Amino acid sequence: MLDVKDAAVQTALRRACEEVGLPDSLRGCVYPLLRDPEGDWPDCCGGGCHPCASSLVDVAMRTLELLGTPRRAPGVG
């Protein structure tokens, strides 16, 4: 389980948010994905939600890449 309060995780998460275009105020929505990086992640429902689940997944995947621990479980969507 990844410690989302760790400084390195926070730095990578901020960078991933910037790269993907997710507002910094929504980065807490990515925490559940980072806490269980190999678990089931949501798919986009097509309902126009904000933030979209696919954006959160993109940020989580990029954060894990930046940390050098890319997701090993099958990707989503």
Protein backbone atom coordinates (compact mmCIF):
# COMPACT_ATOMS: atom_id res chain seq x y z
CA MET A 1 0.00 0.00 0.00
CA LEU A 2 1.37 3.39 -1.02
CA ASP A 3 1.56 6.15 1.61
CA VAL A 4 -0.19 9.04 -0.14
CA LYS A 5 1.17 11.50 2.45
CA ASP A 6 4.78 10.67 1.58
CA ALA A 7 6.59 13.70 0.11
CA ALA A 8 7.77 11.79 -2.98
CA VAL A 9 4.24 10.58 -3.69
CA GLN A 10 2.84 14.09 -3.29
CA THR A 11 5.48 15.52 -5.64
CA ALA A 12 4.78 12.87 -8.28
CA LEU A 13 1.02 13.33 -7.86
CA ARG A 14 1.26 17.11 -8.32
CA ARG A 15 3.33 16.65 -11.46
CA ALA A 16 0.91 14.04 -12.84
CA CYS A 17 -2.04 16.36 -12.15
CA GLU A 18 -0.30 19.14 -14.05
CA GLU A 19 0.53 16.87 -16.99
CA VAL A 20 -2.99 15.44 -17.25
CA GLY A 21 -4.72 18.74 -16.52
CA LEU A 22 -6.50 17.67 -13.33
CA PRO A 23 -6.91 20.62 -10.95
CA ASP A 24 -4.74 20.35 -7.86
CA SER A 25 -7.86 20.69 -5.72
CA LEU A 26 -9.06 17.29 -7.01
CA ARG A 27 -5.88 15.31 -6.42
CA GLY A 28 -7.40 13.77 -3.29
CA CYS A 29 -9.76 11.88 -5.60
CA VAL A 30 -6.73 9.91 -6.82
CA TYR A 31 -5.69 8.74 -3.33
CA PRO A 32 -7.89 5.59 -3.32
CA LEU A 33 -6.31 4.45 -6.59
CA LEU A 34 -2.80 5.00 -5.24
CA ARG A 35 -3.58 3.21 -1.99
CA ASP A 36 -4.57 0.11 -3.98
CA PRO A 37 -2.51 0.40 -7.18
CA GLU A 38 -3.19 -3.16 -8.33
CA GLY A 39 -6.87 -3.21 -7.37
CA ASP A 40 -9.97 -2.67 -9.45
CA TRP A 41 -10.08 0.81 -10.90
CA PRO A 42 -13.21 2.48 -12.26
CA ASP A 43 -14.04 2.88 -15.93
CA CYS A 44 -15.57 5.97 -17.47
CA CYS A 45 -19.36 5.68 -17.24
CA GLY A 46 -19.98 8.08 -20.14
CA GLY A 47 -22.13 10.28 -17.92
CA GLY A 48 -20.03 13.43 -18.21
CA CYS A 49 -18.88 13.30 -14.58
CA HIS A 50 -16.26 15.72 -13.32
CA PRO A 51 -13.71 14.55 -12.66
CA CYS A 52 -14.07 11.67 -15.06
CA ALA A 53 -12.87 8.32 -13.75
CA SER A 54 -10.59 7.99 -16.77
CA SER A 55 -8.84 11.25 -15.83
CA LEU A 56 -8.29 10.00 -12.30
CA VAL A 57 -6.90 6.74 -13.67
CA ASP A 58 -4.59 8.67 -16.02
CA VAL A 59 -3.25 10.69 -13.08
CA ALA A 60 -2.79 7.59 -10.92
CA MET A 61 -0.99 5.70 -13.68
CA ARG A 62 1.31 8.65 -14.40
CA THR A 63 2.01 9.10 -10.67
CA LEU A 64 3.02 5.44 -10.40
CA GLU A 65 5.24 5.77 -13.48
CA LEU A 66 6.95 8.83 -12.01
CA LEU A 67 7.56 6.88 -8.79
CA GLY A 68 9.09 4.03 -10.77
CA THR A 69 6.32 1.62 -9.71
CA PRO A 70 4.04 1.30 -12.75
CA ARG A 71 0.78 -0.61 -12.46
CA ARG A 72 1.21 -4.32 -13.14
CA ALA A 73 -2.45 -5.35 -13.09
CA PRO A 74 -4.43 -5.13 -16.31
CA GLY A 75 -5.27 -1.62 -17.41
CA VAL A 76 -8.78 -0.29 -17.44
CA GLY A 77 -11.09 0.66 -20.26
